[in-house]
C-alpha cells in the first residue's frame, strides 16, 4: 500500500540568519557591547581633570568665607529662602 502523503507539506528549513527573531535576540547583547566600547572611548579620550596641589587649603578658605557673614554667600541664601516664603510671612 502506498501512502499519498506529499513531501511538500513539511516546511523547508532555512539558514538561521534568515529568521528575524534570531537577529532580535542577537541585537540586545550587541548593543550593550557597542555601548561599552563607546563608554571606554569616552573615558580614555576625555579624562577627568587633575586636582590642584592645594585643593585642601582652598576648601578650608571657602569654609572661612562661608563662616564670615561679611563675605559669605548668606545674602544669596537668604534671597533663595525668601523666594520660597509665603507672601504674608515675608519681612517688610
C-alpha atoms as a PDB file:
ATOM      1  CA  UNK A   1       0.000   0.000   0.000  1.00  0.00           C
ATOM      2  CA  UNK A   2       1.424   3.377  -0.957  1.00  0.00           C
ATOM      3  CA  UNK A   3       0.816   6.494   1.080  1.00  0.00           C
ATOM      4  CA  UNK A   4      -0.434   9.617  -0.608  1.00  0.00           C
ATOM      5  CA  UNK A   5       1.320  11.959   1.841  1.00  0.00           C
ATOM      6  CA  UNK A   6       3.159  14.593  -0.111  1.00  0.00           C
ATOM      7  CA  UNK A   7       6.552  15.786   0.917  1.00  0.00           C
ATOM      8  CA  UNK A   8       5.532  19.393   0.169  1.00  0.00           C
ATOM      9  CA  UNK A   9       3.574  19.687   3.435  1.00  0.00           C
ATOM     10  CA  UNK A  10       6.759  19.903   5.526  1.00  0.00           C
ATOM     11  CA  UNK A  11       8.238  23.445   5.510  1.00  0.00           C
ATOM     12  CA  UNK A  12      11.667  23.722   4.023  1.00  0.00           C
ATOM     13  CA  UNK A  13      14.372  24.549   6.538  1.00  0.00           C
ATOM     14  CA  UNK A  14      16.160  27.888   6.124  1.00  0.00           C
ATOM     15  CA  UNK A  15      19.548  29.052   7.457  1.00  0.00           C
ATOM     16  CA  UNK A  16      19.447  30.639  10.910  1.00  0.00           C
ATOM     17  CA  UNK A  17      20.309  34.139   9.694  1.00  0.00           C
ATOM     18  CA  UNK A  18      17.120  34.337   7.661  1.00  0.00           C
ATOM     19  CA  UNK A  19      14.916  34.290  10.779  1.00  0.00           C
ATOM     20  CA  UNK A  20      14.076  37.741  12.191  1.00  0.00           C
ATOM     21  CA  UNK A  21      13.721  36.693  15.807  1.00  0.00           C
ATOM     22  CA  UNK A  22      17.313  35.450  15.851  1.00  0.00           C
ATOM     23  CA  UNK A  23      18.516  38.954  14.985  1.00  0.00           C
ATOM     24  CA  UNK A  24      16.251  40.389  17.652  1.00  0.00           C
ATOM     25  CA  UNK A  25      17.920  38.165  20.247  1.00  0.00           C
ATOM     26  CA  UNK A  26      21.423  38.984  18.982  1.00  0.00           C
ATOM     27  CA  UNK A  27      20.722  42.745  18.856  1.00  0.00           C
ATOM     28  CA  UNK A  28      20.449  43.183  22.654  1.00  0.00           C
ATOM     29  CA  UNK A  29      23.906  41.928  23.632  1.00  0.00           C
ATOM     30  CA  UNK A  30      25.432  43.514  20.518  1.00  0.00           C
ATOM     31  CA  UNK A  31      24.118  46.951  21.509  1.00  0.00           C
ATOM     32  CA  UNK A  32      25.487  46.509  25.029  1.00  0.00           C
ATOM     33  CA  UNK A  33      28.939  45.610  23.693  1.00  0.00           C
ATOM     34  CA  UNK A  34      28.935  48.622  21.359  1.00  0.00           C
ATOM     35  CA  UNK A  35      27.818  50.912  24.205  1.00  0.00           C
ATOM     36  CA  UNK A  36      30.649  49.525  26.341  1.00  0.00           C
ATOM     37  CA  UNK A  37      33.210  50.396  23.680  1.00  0.00           C
ATOM     38  CA  UNK A  38      31.737  53.891  23.289  1.00  0.00           C
ATOM     39  CA  UNK A  39      31.954  54.384  27.060  1.00  0.00           C
ATOM     40  CA  UNK A  40      35.559  53.168  27.066  1.00  0.00           C
ATOM     41  CA  UNK A  41      36.421  55.566  24.233  1.00  0.00           C
ATOM     42  CA  UNK A  42      34.813  58.478  26.095  1.00  0.00           C
ATOM     43  CA  UNK A  43      36.657  57.607  29.305  1.00  0.00           C
ATOM     44  CA  UNK A  44      40.017  57.434  27.552  1.00  0.00           C
ATOM     45  CA  UNK A  45      39.587  60.461  25.297  1.00  0.00           C
ATOM     46  CA  UNK A  46      38.209  62.854  27.929  1.00  0.00           C
ATOM     47  CA  UNK A  47      39.909  62.130  31.279  1.00  0.00           C
ATOM     48  CA  UNK A  48      38.871  63.917  34.435  1.00  0.00           C
ATOM     49  CA  UNK A  49      40.951  66.986  35.330  1.00  0.00           C
ATOM     50  CA  UNK A  50      43.618  66.589  37.977  1.00  0.00           C
ATOM     51  CA  UNK A  51      43.046  68.402  41.236  1.00  0.00           C
ATOM     52  CA  UNK A  52      45.376  71.213  42.133  1.00  0.00           C
ATOM     53  CA  UNK A  53      48.006  70.530  44.744  1.00  0.00           C
ATOM     54  CA  UNK A  54      46.419  72.906  47.263  1.00  0.00           C
ATOM     55  CA  UNK A  55      42.828  71.646  46.942  1.00  0.00           C
ATOM     56  CA  UNK A  56      42.558  71.042  50.698  1.00  0.00           C
ATOM     57  CA  UNK A  57      43.696  74.567  51.564  1.00  0.00           C
ATOM     58  CA  UNK A  58      41.235  76.007  49.044  1.00  0.00           C
ATOM     59  CA  UNK A  59      38.440  74.079  50.739  1.00  0.00           C
ATOM     60  CA  UNK A  60      39.462  75.482  54.107  1.00  0.00           C
ATOM     61  CA  UNK A  61      39.489  79.002  52.653  1.00  0.00           C
ATOM     62  CA  UNK A  62      35.979  78.520  51.259  1.00  0.00           C
ATOM     63  CA  UNK A  63      34.787  77.393  54.683  1.00  0.00           C
ATOM     64  CA  UNK A  64      36.302  80.536  56.242  1.00  0.00           C
ATOM     65  CA  UNK A  65      34.443  82.791  53.806  1.00  0.00           C
ATOM     66  CA  UNK A  66      31.193  80.935  54.428  1.00  0.00           C
ATOM     67  CA  UNK A  67      31.567  81.477  58.177  1.00  0.00           C
ATOM     68  CA  UNK A  68      32.300  85.201  57.769  1.00  0.00           C
ATOM     69  CA  UNK A  69      28.943  86.998  57.349  1.00  0.00           C
ATOM     70  CA  UNK A  70      30.517  89.984  55.539  1.00  0.00           C
ATOM     71  CA  UNK A  71      31.974  87.948  52.656  1.00  0.00           C
ATOM     72  CA  UNK A  72      29.806  84.881  52.770  1.00  0.00           C
ATOM     73  CA  UNK A  73      27.127  83.799  50.368  1.00  0.00           C
ATOM     74  CA  UNK A  74      24.489  84.411  53.028  1.00  0.00           C
ATOM     75  CA  UNK A  75      22.643  87.129  51.038  1.00  0.00           C
ATOM     76  CA  UNK A  76      22.116  84.695  48.168  1.00  0.00           C
ATOM     77  CA  UNK A  77      20.953  82.007  50.561  1.00  0.00           C
ATOM     78  CA  UNK A  78      18.665  84.486  52.320  1.00  0.00           C
ATOM     79  CA  UNK A  79      17.174  85.579  48.993  1.00  0.00           C
ATOM     80  CA  UNK A  80      16.648  81.992  47.933  1.00  0.00           C
ATOM     81  CA  UNK A  81      14.895  81.211  51.191  1.00  0.00           C
ATOM     82  CA  UNK A  82      12.657  84.291  50.914  1.00  0.00           C
ATOM     83  CA  UNK A  83      11.621  83.324  47.401  1.00  0.00           C
ATOM     84  CA  UNK A  84      10.032  80.211  48.901  1.00  0.00           C
ATOM     85  CA  UNK A  85       8.480  82.067  51.837  1.00  0.00           C
ATOM     86  CA  UNK A  86       4.736  82.800  51.558  1.00  0.00           C
ATOM     87  CA  UNK A  87       3.895  86.461  50.929  1.00  0.00           C
ATOM     88  CA  UNK A  88       2.209  87.034  54.299  1.00  0.00           C
ATOM     89  CA  UNK A  89       5.337  85.752  56.130  1.00  0.00           C
ATOM     90  CA  UNK A  90       7.889  87.872  54.237  1.00  0.00           C
ATOM     91  CA  UNK A  91       9.503  90.781  56.098  1.00  0.00           C
ATOM     92  CA  UNK A  92       8.516  94.307  55.009  1.00  0.00           C
END
